[in-house]
Amino acid sequence: MQSEILAWENGKKLREKQKMERKKSELEQRKSRNLKHYYSKIGRIDHIAAGARTQLEEKRKHEESIVREKTRKMRSTGKTPVNCFCF
């Protein structure tokens, strides 16, 4: 009788330990998936931000070249360019 109780106890303990290990494994897999997703999003954000910075720099350089062209014209002619604000 003692051995049956001991076998029953050990069987229950073993099943519960296996359940715990399975849940722990599932939790680790979920955690790794979430981390992968997080790093993917961070990489995408970095890529978009780098593109935006590049566009901003190009726009600044373009505007700077326009200003330089206007100053060159003003220096060569001695007059300011005429802007017509007629409506």
N, C-alpha and C. Protein backbone atom coordinates (compact mmCIF):
# COMPACT_ATOMS: atom_id res chain seq x y z
N MET A 1 0.80 -1.19 0.00
CA MET A 1 0.00 0.00 0.00
C MET A 1 0.86 1.27 0.00
N GLN A 2 1.93 1.24 0.79
CA GLN A 2 2.84 2.38 0.86
C GLN A 2 3.47 2.66 -0.50
N SER A 3 3.84 1.61 -1.19
CA SER A 3 4.50 1.79 -2.48
C SER A 3 3.53 2.38 -3.52
N GLU A 4 2.24 2.00 -3.43
CA GLU A 4 1.25 2.56 -4.35
C GLU A 4 1.07 4.05 -4.11
N ILE A 5 1.02 4.45 -2.86
CA ILE A 5 0.87 5.88 -2.52
C ILE A 5 2.10 6.65 -2.98
N LEU A 6 3.25 6.07 -2.76
CA LEU A 6 4.50 6.71 -3.17
C LEU A 6 4.58 6.83 -4.69
N ALA A 7 4.15 5.79 -5.41
CA ALA A 7 4.15 5.82 -6.87
C ALA A 7 3.15 6.87 -7.37
N TRP A 8 1.97 6.93 -6.75
CA TRP A 8 0.98 7.93 -7.13
C TRP A 8 1.52 9.35 -6.91
N GLU A 9 2.16 9.55 -5.75
CA GLU A 9 2.73 10.86 -5.40
C GLU A 9 3.81 11.26 -6.40
N ASN A 10 4.70 10.33 -6.70
CA ASN A 10 5.79 10.61 -7.64
C ASN A 10 5.25 10.89 -9.04
N GLY A 11 4.23 10.15 -9.46
CA GLY A 11 3.61 10.36 -10.77
C GLY A 11 3.00 11.76 -10.87
N LYS A 12 2.27 12.17 -9.83
CA LYS A 12 1.65 13.50 -9.82
C LYS A 12 2.72 14.59 -9.85
N LYS A 13 3.76 14.40 -9.04
CA LYS A 13 4.84 15.40 -9.01
C LYS A 13 5.53 15.51 -10.37
N LEU A 14 5.76 14.36 -11.00
CA LEU A 14 6.42 14.35 -12.30
C LEU A 14 5.58 15.07 -13.35
N ARG A 15 4.26 14.79 -13.36
CA ARG A 15 3.37 15.46 -14.33
C ARG A 15 3.34 16.97 -14.11
N GLU A 16 3.28 17.39 -12.88
CA GLU A 16 3.26 18.83 -12.59
C GLU A 16 4.58 19.49 -12.97
N LYS A 17 5.67 18.78 -12.74
CA LYS A 17 6.97 19.32 -13.12
C LYS A 17 7.06 19.46 -14.64
N GLN A 18 6.54 18.47 -15.37
CA GLN A 18 6.54 18.53 -16.84
C GLN A 18 5.67 19.69 -17.33
N LYS A 19 4.52 19.91 -16.69
CA LYS A 19 3.66 21.04 -17.06
C LYS A 19 4.40 22.37 -16.85
N MET A 20 5.08 22.45 -15.71
CA MET A 20 5.81 23.67 -15.40
C MET A 20 6.91 23.91 -16.43
N GLU A 21 7.64 22.87 -16.80
CA GLU A 21 8.71 22.99 -17.79
C GLU A 21 8.14 23.39 -19.15
N ARG A 22 7.01 22.82 -19.53
CA ARG A 22 6.37 23.15 -20.80
C ARG A 22 5.96 24.63 -20.83
N LYS A 23 5.35 25.09 -19.73
CA LYS A 23 4.94 26.49 -19.66
C LYS A 23 6.15 27.42 -19.69
N LYS A 24 7.21 27.01 -19.02
CA LYS A 24 8.43 27.81 -19.01
C LYS A 24 9.01 27.90 -20.43
N SER A 25 9.00 26.79 -21.13
CA SER A 25 9.49 26.77 -22.51
C SER A 25 8.65 27.66 -23.41
N GLU A 26 7.32 27.57 -23.27
CA GLU A 26 6.43 28.41 -24.07
C GLU A 26 6.65 29.89 -23.78
N LEU A 27 6.87 30.20 -22.52
CA LEU A 27 7.12 31.58 -22.12
C LEU A 27 8.42 32.10 -22.74
N GLU A 28 9.45 31.28 -22.73
CA GLU A 28 10.73 31.68 -23.33
C GLU A 28 10.58 31.89 -24.84
N GLN A 29 9.82 31.01 -25.50
CA GLN A 29 9.60 31.16 -26.94
C GLN A 29 8.84 32.45 -27.24
N ARG A 30 7.83 32.73 -26.44
CA ARG A 30 7.05 33.96 -26.63
C ARG A 30 7.94 35.19 -26.40
N LYS A 31 8.79 35.10 -25.39
CA LYS A 31 9.69 36.21 -25.09
C LYS A 31 10.66 36.44 -26.25
N SER A 32 11.20 35.38 -26.81
CA SER A 32 12.14 35.54 -27.93
C SER A 32 11.43 36.09 -29.16
N ARG A 33 10.19 35.66 -29.41
CA ARG A 33 9.42 36.21 -30.54
C ARG A 33 9.16 37.70 -30.34
N ASN A 34 8.80 38.07 -29.13
CA ASN A 34 8.53 39.48 -28.85
C ASN A 34 9.80 40.32 -29.00
N LEU A 35 10.92 39.81 -28.55
CA LEU A 35 12.19 40.54 -28.70
C LEU A 35 12.54 40.71 -30.17
N LYS A 36 12.33 39.66 -30.95
CA LYS A 36 12.61 39.72 -32.38
C LYS A 36 11.74 40.78 -33.04
N HIS A 37 10.47 40.80 -32.68
CA HIS A 37 9.53 41.78 -33.22
C HIS A 37 9.95 43.20 -32.81
N TYR A 38 10.35 43.36 -31.56
CA TYR A 38 10.80 44.66 -31.05
C TYR A 38 12.01 45.16 -31.82
N TYR A 39 13.01 44.32 -32.00
CA TYR A 39 14.22 44.73 -32.72
C TYR A 39 13.91 45.03 -34.19
N SER A 40 12.97 44.30 -34.75
CA SER A 40 12.55 44.57 -36.12
C SER A 40 11.94 45.97 -36.22
N LYS A 41 11.07 46.31 -35.29
CA LYS A 41 10.45 47.64 -35.30
C LYS A 41 11.49 48.73 -35.07
N ILE A 42 12.40 48.52 -34.15
CA ILE A 42 13.45 49.51 -33.88
C ILE A 42 14.30 49.72 -35.12
N GLY A 43 14.64 48.64 -35.82
CA GLY A 43 15.43 48.75 -37.05
C GLY A 43 14.68 49.54 -38.11
N ARG A 44 13.39 49.28 -38.25
CA ARG A 44 12.57 50.00 -39.23
C ARG A 44 12.51 51.48 -38.89
N ILE A 45 12.35 51.80 -37.60
CA ILE A 45 12.31 53.20 -37.17
C ILE A 45 13.65 53.88 -37.46
N ASP A 46 14.75 53.20 -37.16
CA ASP A 46 16.07 53.77 -37.45
C ASP A 46 16.24 54.04 -38.93
N HIS A 47 15.78 53.11 -39.76
CA HIS A 47 15.90 53.26 -41.21
C HIS A 47 15.10 54.47 -41.70
N ILE A 48 13.88 54.61 -41.22
CA ILE A 48 13.03 55.73 -41.62
C ILE A 48 13.63 57.05 -41.15
N ALA A 49 14.12 57.08 -39.93
CA ALA A 49 14.71 58.31 -39.39
C ALA A 49 15.96 58.70 -40.18
N ALA A 50 16.76 57.72 -40.57
CA ALA A 50 17.96 58.02 -41.36
C ALA A 50 17.56 58.61 -42.71
N GLY A 51 16.53 58.06 -43.33
CA GLY A 51 16.05 58.60 -44.60
C GLY A 51 15.53 60.02 -44.45
N ALA A 52 14.81 60.28 -43.37
CA ALA A 52 14.29 61.63 -43.13
C ALA A 52 15.43 62.61 -42.91
N ARG A 53 16.45 62.19 -42.17
CA ARG A 53 17.61 63.07 -41.96
C ARG A 53 18.30 63.38 -43.28
N THR A 54 18.45 62.37 -44.13
CA THR A 54 19.08 62.57 -45.43
C THR A 54 18.27 63.55 -46.27
N GLN A 55 16.96 63.38 -46.31
CA GLN A 55 16.11 64.29 -47.08
C GLN A 55 16.21 65.71 -46.54
N LEU A 56 16.23 65.86 -45.23
CA LEU A 56 16.33 67.18 -44.62
C LEU A 56 17.65 67.84 -44.99
N GLU A 57 18.72 67.07 -44.95
CA GLU A 57 20.04 67.60 -45.31
C GLU A 57 20.06 68.02 -46.78
N GLU A 58 19.49 67.21 -47.66
CA GLU A 58 19.44 67.57 -49.09
C GLU A 58 18.62 68.83 -49.31
N LYS A 59 17.50 68.96 -48.60
CA LYS A 59 16.66 70.15 -48.72
C LYS A 59 17.42 71.38 -48.25
N ARG A 60 18.13 71.25 -47.14
CA ARG A 60 18.90 72.38 -46.62
C ARG A 60 19.98 72.80 -47.61
N LYS A 61 20.67 71.83 -48.19
CA LYS A 61 21.71 72.14 -49.18
C LYS A 61 21.11 72.81 -50.41
N HIS A 62 19.94 72.35 -50.84
CA HIS A 62 19.28 72.94 -52.00
C HIS A 62 18.89 74.39 -51.72
N GLU A 63 18.30 74.64 -50.56
CA GLU A 63 17.92 76.00 -50.19
C GLU A 63 19.15 76.89 -50.07
N GLU A 64 20.22 76.33 -49.53
CA GLU A 64 21.47 77.08 -49.40
C GLU A 64 22.02 77.44 -50.77
N SER A 65 21.94 76.53 -51.72
CA SER A 65 22.43 76.82 -53.07
C SER A 65 21.58 77.90 -53.74
N ILE A 66 20.28 77.91 -53.48
CA ILE A 66 19.40 78.96 -54.02
C ILE A 66 19.80 80.31 -53.45
N VAL A 67 20.05 80.37 -52.16
CA VAL A 67 20.46 81.62 -51.53
C VAL A 67 21.80 82.08 -52.08
N ARG A 68 22.73 81.17 -52.25
CA ARG A 68 24.03 81.53 -52.82
C ARG A 68 23.89 82.07 -54.24
N GLU A 69 23.00 81.45 -55.01
CA GLU A 69 22.77 81.93 -56.38
C GLU A 69 22.20 83.34 -56.37
N LYS A 70 21.26 83.61 -55.47
CA LYS A 70 20.69 84.95 -55.37
C LYS A 70 21.75 85.97 -54.95
N THR A 71 22.58 85.59 -53.98
CA THR A 71 23.63 86.53 -53.56
C THR A 71 24.63 86.76 -54.67
N ARG A 72 24.93 85.74 -55.45
CA ARG A 72 25.85 85.91 -56.57
C ARG A 72 25.27 86.89 -57.59
N LYS A 73 23.97 86.75 -57.89
CA LYS A 73 23.33 87.67 -58.82
C LYS A 73 23.32 89.09 -58.28
N MET A 74 23.02 89.21 -56.98
CA MET A 74 22.98 90.55 -56.37
C MET A 74 24.35 91.20 -56.41
N ARG A 75 25.39 90.45 -56.15
CA ARG A 75 26.74 91.01 -56.16
C ARG A 75 27.18 91.37 -57.57
N SER A 76 26.80 90.56 -58.54
CA SER A 76 27.23 90.83 -59.92
C SER A 76 26.48 92.01 -60.53
N THR A 77 25.20 92.17 -60.22
CA THR A 77 24.41 93.25 -60.81
C THR A 77 24.32 94.47 -59.91
N GLY A 78 24.46 94.30 -58.64
CA GLY A 78 24.34 95.40 -57.70
C GLY A 78 22.90 95.71 -57.36
N LYS A 79 21.96 94.94 -57.83
CA LYS A 79 20.54 95.17 -57.57
C LYS A 79 19.93 93.90 -56.96
N THR A 80 18.85 94.11 -56.23
CA THR A 80 18.13 92.96 -55.67
C THR A 80 17.16 92.42 -56.71
N PRO A 81 16.89 91.14 -56.73
CA PRO A 81 15.92 90.58 -57.67
C PRO A 81 14.52 91.13 -57.39
N VAL A 82 13.75 91.33 -58.44
CA VAL A 82 12.41 91.89 -58.31
C VAL A 82 11.42 90.76 -58.08
N ASN A 83 10.65 90.90 -57.04
CA ASN A 83 9.57 89.96 -56.76
C ASN A 83 8.26 90.71 -56.91
N CYS A 84 7.36 90.23 -57.69
CA CYS A 84 6.08 90.88 -57.93
C CYS A 84 5.03 90.25 -57.04
N PHE A 85 4.42 91.07 -56.20
CA PHE A 85 3.36 90.58 -55.32
C PHE A 85 2.01 91.11 -55.78
N CYS A 86 1.75 90.98 -57.05
CA CYS A 86 0.50 91.47 -57.63
C CYS A 86 -0.60 90.42 -57.45
N PHE A 87 -1.78 90.90 -57.13
CA PHE A 87 -2.90 89.99 -56.96
C PHE A 87 -4.01 90.36 -57.90
